[in-house]
Amino acid sequence: PRQRVHWDYSPKGLHSSDRRNLYGNPLSAIWAPSNVPFALYTATGKKVVVPPGCIAVFGSEVAHSGGPHVDDVLRIHSYVVPPGHKIPAAVWARRGG
């Protein structure tokens, strides 16, 4: 089973989404250090396949889901955290989503 759709940061704690200011909000990065691709899913359920050896980097305002928490494909999740933000202790999901 896939993860629930979630954000890595609370949407309430983010600045308004201004694409000209890339470093205004945190970024998330997911890397699978293996020779197989891995999948992420958008909030609408669209599957995004990340090729082997590549890193998926996306804004903290992006709702997403990934594979199951326990899986044969090792994934490393990291953050780019600008001043004024902290690494999250949890993820945020809509109720019933």
N, C-alpha and C. Protein backbone atom coordinates (compact mmCIF):
# COMPACT_ATOMS: atom_id res chain seq x y z
N PRO A 1 0.82 -1.20 0.00
CA PRO A 1 0.00 0.00 0.00
C PRO A 1 0.87 1.26 0.00
N ARG A 2 0.38 2.27 -0.69
CA ARG A 2 1.09 3.56 -0.72
C ARG A 2 0.83 4.34 0.55
N GLN A 3 1.65 5.35 0.76
CA GLN A 3 1.43 6.27 1.86
C GLN A 3 0.19 7.11 1.58
N ARG A 4 -0.37 7.71 2.61
CA ARG A 4 -1.43 8.70 2.43
C ARG A 4 -0.80 9.94 1.80
N VAL A 5 -1.59 10.69 1.05
CA VAL A 5 -1.11 11.96 0.52
C VAL A 5 -0.82 12.88 1.70
N HIS A 6 0.35 13.54 1.66
CA HIS A 6 0.76 14.37 2.78
C HIS A 6 1.70 15.47 2.31
N TRP A 7 1.96 16.41 3.21
CA TRP A 7 2.98 17.44 3.04
C TRP A 7 4.06 17.13 4.05
N ASP A 8 5.30 17.45 3.74
CA ASP A 8 6.38 17.23 4.70
C ASP A 8 6.43 18.33 5.76
N TYR A 9 5.81 19.47 5.47
CA TYR A 9 5.75 20.58 6.42
C TYR A 9 4.30 21.02 6.57
N SER A 10 3.97 21.56 7.72
CA SER A 10 2.62 22.08 7.92
C SER A 10 2.39 23.24 6.95
N PRO A 11 1.34 23.17 6.14
CA PRO A 11 1.06 24.27 5.21
C PRO A 11 0.89 25.62 5.91
N LYS A 12 0.46 25.61 7.16
CA LYS A 12 0.26 26.85 7.90
C LYS A 12 1.58 27.55 8.21
N GLY A 13 2.68 26.79 8.28
CA GLY A 13 3.95 27.37 8.64
C GLY A 13 4.79 27.85 7.47
N LEU A 14 4.23 27.81 6.26
CA LEU A 14 4.98 28.17 5.07
C LEU A 14 4.66 29.58 4.61
N HIS A 15 5.59 30.18 3.90
CA HIS A 15 5.37 31.49 3.29
C HIS A 15 4.48 31.30 2.08
N SER A 16 3.91 32.37 1.58
CA SER A 16 3.12 32.25 0.36
C SER A 16 4.00 31.69 -0.75
N SER A 17 3.42 30.90 -1.60
CA SER A 17 4.18 30.23 -2.67
C SER A 17 4.59 31.25 -3.73
N ASP A 18 5.84 31.63 -3.69
CA ASP A 18 6.38 32.60 -4.64
C ASP A 18 7.54 31.91 -5.36
N ARG A 19 7.31 31.48 -6.58
CA ARG A 19 8.31 30.72 -7.34
C ARG A 19 9.58 31.52 -7.59
N ARG A 20 9.54 32.84 -7.46
CA ARG A 20 10.75 33.63 -7.66
C ARG A 20 11.68 33.51 -6.47
N ASN A 21 11.16 33.06 -5.33
CA ASN A 21 11.95 32.94 -4.11
C ASN A 21 12.06 31.47 -3.74
N LEU A 22 12.87 30.74 -4.48
CA LEU A 22 12.98 29.29 -4.30
C LEU A 22 13.38 28.91 -2.89
N TYR A 23 14.22 29.71 -2.24
CA TYR A 23 14.72 29.35 -0.93
C TYR A 23 13.89 29.92 0.21
N GLY A 24 12.72 30.47 -0.08
CA GLY A 24 11.87 30.98 0.97
C GLY A 24 11.23 29.90 1.80
N ASN A 25 10.98 28.75 1.20
CA ASN A 25 10.39 27.62 1.89
C ASN A 25 11.32 26.42 1.80
N PRO A 26 11.17 25.46 2.71
CA PRO A 26 12.00 24.26 2.66
C PRO A 26 11.73 23.44 1.39
N LEU A 27 12.68 22.61 1.05
CA LEU A 27 12.54 21.66 -0.05
C LEU A 27 12.69 20.26 0.53
N SER A 28 12.07 19.28 -0.11
CA SER A 28 12.24 17.88 0.25
C SER A 28 13.00 17.20 -0.87
N ALA A 29 13.79 16.20 -0.50
CA ALA A 29 14.55 15.44 -1.49
C ALA A 29 14.47 13.97 -1.13
N ILE A 30 14.20 13.13 -2.12
CA ILE A 30 14.14 11.69 -1.90
C ILE A 30 15.06 11.02 -2.91
N TRP A 31 15.92 10.14 -2.42
CA TRP A 31 16.89 9.44 -3.25
C TRP A 31 16.82 7.95 -2.93
N ALA A 32 16.83 7.13 -3.94
CA ALA A 32 16.89 5.69 -3.76
C ALA A 32 18.25 5.22 -4.29
N PRO A 33 19.19 4.92 -3.40
CA PRO A 33 20.53 4.54 -3.83
C PRO A 33 20.59 3.08 -4.30
N SER A 34 19.81 2.78 -5.28
CA SER A 34 19.78 1.41 -5.81
C SER A 34 19.73 1.47 -7.32
N ASN A 35 19.72 0.33 -7.94
CA ASN A 35 19.70 0.28 -9.40
C ASN A 35 18.30 0.08 -9.96
N VAL A 36 17.30 0.41 -9.16
CA VAL A 36 15.91 0.31 -9.63
C VAL A 36 15.22 1.66 -9.46
N PRO A 37 14.26 1.98 -10.33
CA PRO A 37 13.52 3.23 -10.16
C PRO A 37 12.58 3.14 -8.96
N PHE A 38 12.11 4.29 -8.50
CA PHE A 38 11.08 4.30 -7.47
C PHE A 38 10.00 5.29 -7.88
N ALA A 39 8.84 5.17 -7.26
CA ALA A 39 7.70 5.99 -7.66
C ALA A 39 7.26 6.91 -6.54
N LEU A 40 6.84 8.10 -6.95
CA LEU A 40 6.15 9.05 -6.10
C LEU A 40 4.81 9.31 -6.76
N TYR A 41 3.85 9.80 -5.99
CA TYR A 41 2.52 10.08 -6.53
C TYR A 41 2.11 11.50 -6.17
N THR A 42 1.48 12.18 -7.11
CA THR A 42 0.98 13.53 -6.84
C THR A 42 -0.32 13.42 -6.03
N ALA A 43 -0.83 14.55 -5.58
CA ALA A 43 -2.07 14.57 -4.82
C ALA A 43 -3.24 14.03 -5.63
N THR A 44 -3.14 14.13 -6.97
CA THR A 44 -4.22 13.63 -7.84
C THR A 44 -4.02 12.17 -8.21
N GLY A 45 -2.94 11.55 -7.71
CA GLY A 45 -2.70 10.14 -7.98
C GLY A 45 -1.81 9.84 -9.18
N LYS A 46 -1.31 10.89 -9.85
CA LYS A 46 -0.43 10.67 -10.99
C LYS A 46 0.90 10.09 -10.51
N LYS A 47 1.33 8.99 -11.15
CA LYS A 47 2.57 8.33 -10.78
C LYS A 47 3.74 9.03 -11.45
N VAL A 48 4.78 9.34 -10.66
CA VAL A 48 6.00 9.95 -11.17
C VAL A 48 7.13 8.96 -10.88
N VAL A 49 7.74 8.43 -11.94
CA VAL A 49 8.81 7.45 -11.78
C VAL A 49 10.15 8.17 -11.76
N VAL A 50 10.91 7.94 -10.71
CA VAL A 50 12.23 8.55 -10.55
C VAL A 50 13.27 7.50 -10.98
N PRO A 51 14.07 7.81 -12.01
CA PRO A 51 15.03 6.83 -12.53
C PRO A 51 16.11 6.46 -11.50
N PRO A 52 16.73 5.29 -11.67
CA PRO A 52 17.79 4.88 -10.76
C PRO A 52 18.88 5.94 -10.67
N GLY A 53 19.35 6.18 -9.46
CA GLY A 53 20.44 7.13 -9.24
C GLY A 53 20.03 8.58 -9.23
N CYS A 54 18.77 8.89 -9.48
CA CYS A 54 18.30 10.28 -9.51
C CYS A 54 17.66 10.64 -8.17
N ILE A 55 17.58 11.94 -7.93
CA ILE A 55 16.98 12.46 -6.71
C ILE A 55 15.76 13.28 -7.09
N ALA A 56 14.64 13.05 -6.43
CA ALA A 56 13.44 13.87 -6.62
C ALA A 56 13.50 15.01 -5.61
N VAL A 57 13.47 16.25 -6.10
CA VAL A 57 13.48 17.43 -5.24
C VAL A 57 12.21 18.22 -5.51
N PHE A 58 11.48 18.58 -4.46
CA PHE A 58 10.23 19.30 -4.65
C PHE A 58 9.98 20.23 -3.47
N GLY A 59 9.13 21.21 -3.69
CA GLY A 59 8.82 22.21 -2.69
C GLY A 59 7.97 21.65 -1.56
N SER A 60 8.10 22.28 -0.40
CA SER A 60 7.38 21.82 0.78
C SER A 60 5.87 22.00 0.66
N GLU A 61 5.43 22.79 -0.31
CA GLU A 61 3.99 22.99 -0.51
C GLU A 61 3.37 21.89 -1.37
N VAL A 62 4.18 20.94 -1.84
CA VAL A 62 3.69 19.89 -2.74
C VAL A 62 3.15 18.72 -1.94
N ALA A 63 1.86 18.45 -2.10
CA ALA A 63 1.25 17.27 -1.48
C ALA A 63 1.65 16.06 -2.33
N HIS A 64 2.03 14.98 -1.68
CA HIS A 64 2.55 13.82 -2.40
C HIS A 64 2.38 12.56 -1.55
N SER A 65 2.66 11.42 -2.15
CA SER A 65 2.74 10.16 -1.42
C SER A 65 3.82 9.32 -2.09
N GLY A 66 4.27 8.33 -1.38
CA GLY A 66 5.31 7.47 -1.91
C GLY A 66 4.94 6.02 -1.69
N GLY A 67 5.95 5.18 -1.80
CA GLY A 67 5.73 3.76 -1.57
C GLY A 67 5.49 3.49 -0.10
N PRO A 68 5.29 2.22 0.23
CA PRO A 68 5.06 1.87 1.63
C PRO A 68 6.27 2.20 2.49
N HIS A 69 6.03 2.38 3.78
CA HIS A 69 7.14 2.70 4.69
C HIS A 69 8.13 1.54 4.78
N VAL A 70 7.65 0.32 4.69
CA VAL A 70 8.52 -0.85 4.68
C VAL A 70 8.52 -1.40 3.26
N ASP A 71 9.71 -1.39 2.64
CA ASP A 71 9.82 -1.75 1.23
C ASP A 71 11.21 -2.28 0.98
N ASP A 72 11.38 -3.05 -0.10
CA ASP A 72 12.70 -3.55 -0.47
C ASP A 72 13.58 -2.46 -1.07
N VAL A 73 12.98 -1.36 -1.54
CA VAL A 73 13.74 -0.27 -2.13
C VAL A 73 14.07 0.75 -1.04
N LEU A 74 15.36 0.82 -0.69
CA LEU A 74 15.81 1.79 0.30
C LEU A 74 15.65 3.20 -0.25
N ARG A 75 15.03 4.10 0.52
CA ARG A 75 14.87 5.50 0.12
C ARG A 75 15.42 6.37 1.22
N ILE A 76 16.13 7.41 0.84
CA ILE A 76 16.67 8.36 1.80
C ILE A 76 15.96 9.68 1.60
N HIS A 77 15.32 10.17 2.64
CA HIS A 77 14.55 11.41 2.58
C HIS A 77 15.34 12.48 3.31
N SER A 78 15.54 13.60 2.66
CA SER A 78 16.27 14.70 3.29
C SER A 78 15.58 16.02 3.01
N TYR A 79 16.07 17.07 3.64
CA TYR A 79 15.45 18.39 3.53
C TYR A 79 16.49 19.46 3.26
N VAL A 80 16.10 20.49 2.54
CA VAL A 80 16.86 21.72 2.40
C VAL A 80 16.10 22.73 3.23
N VAL A 81 16.69 23.15 4.34
CA VAL A 81 15.97 23.95 5.32
C VAL A 81 16.56 25.36 5.41
N PRO A 82 15.84 26.36 4.89
CA PRO A 82 16.33 27.73 4.98
C PRO A 82 16.13 28.30 6.38
N PRO A 83 16.79 29.41 6.69
CA PRO A 83 16.60 30.05 8.00
C PRO A 83 15.11 30.32 8.28
N GLY A 84 14.73 30.14 9.50
CA GLY A 84 13.34 30.38 9.89
C GLY A 84 12.47 29.14 9.88
N HIS A 85 13.03 28.00 9.45
CA HIS A 85 12.30 26.73 9.42
C HIS A 85 13.11 25.68 10.16
N LYS A 86 12.44 24.62 10.59
CA LYS A 86 13.09 23.49 11.25
C LYS A 86 12.71 22.21 10.51
N ILE A 87 13.54 21.19 10.66
CA ILE A 87 13.20 19.89 10.09
C ILE A 87 11.94 19.40 10.79
N PRO A 88 10.96 18.92 10.03
CA PRO A 88 9.68 18.52 10.65
C PRO A 88 9.81 17.27 11.49
N ALA A 89 9.01 17.21 12.55
CA ALA A 89 8.96 16.04 13.40
C ALA A 89 7.89 15.07 12.92
N ALA A 90 7.01 15.53 12.03
CA ALA A 90 5.92 14.70 11.52
C ALA A 90 5.50 15.26 10.16
N VAL A 91 4.65 14.51 9.46
CA VAL A 91 4.09 14.99 8.20
C VAL A 91 2.63 15.35 8.43
N TRP A 92 2.03 16.08 7.50
CA TRP A 92 0.66 16.54 7.64
C TRP A 92 -0.20 15.96 6.54
N ALA A 93 -1.36 15.46 6.91
CA ALA A 93 -2.30 14.88 5.96
C ALA A 93 -3.69 15.39 6.26
N ARG A 94 -4.53 15.45 5.23
CA ARG A 94 -5.94 15.81 5.43
C ARG A 94 -6.65 14.63 6.09
N ARG A 95 -7.61 14.93 6.89
CA ARG A 95 -8.40 13.85 7.49
C ARG A 95 -9.14 13.09 6.41
N GLY A 96 -9.11 11.79 6.50
CA GLY A 96 -9.82 10.96 5.55
C GLY A 96 -9.14 10.84 4.20
N GLY A 97 -7.96 11.49 4.02
CA GLY A 97 -7.27 11.46 2.74
C GLY A 97 -6.25 10.40 2.62
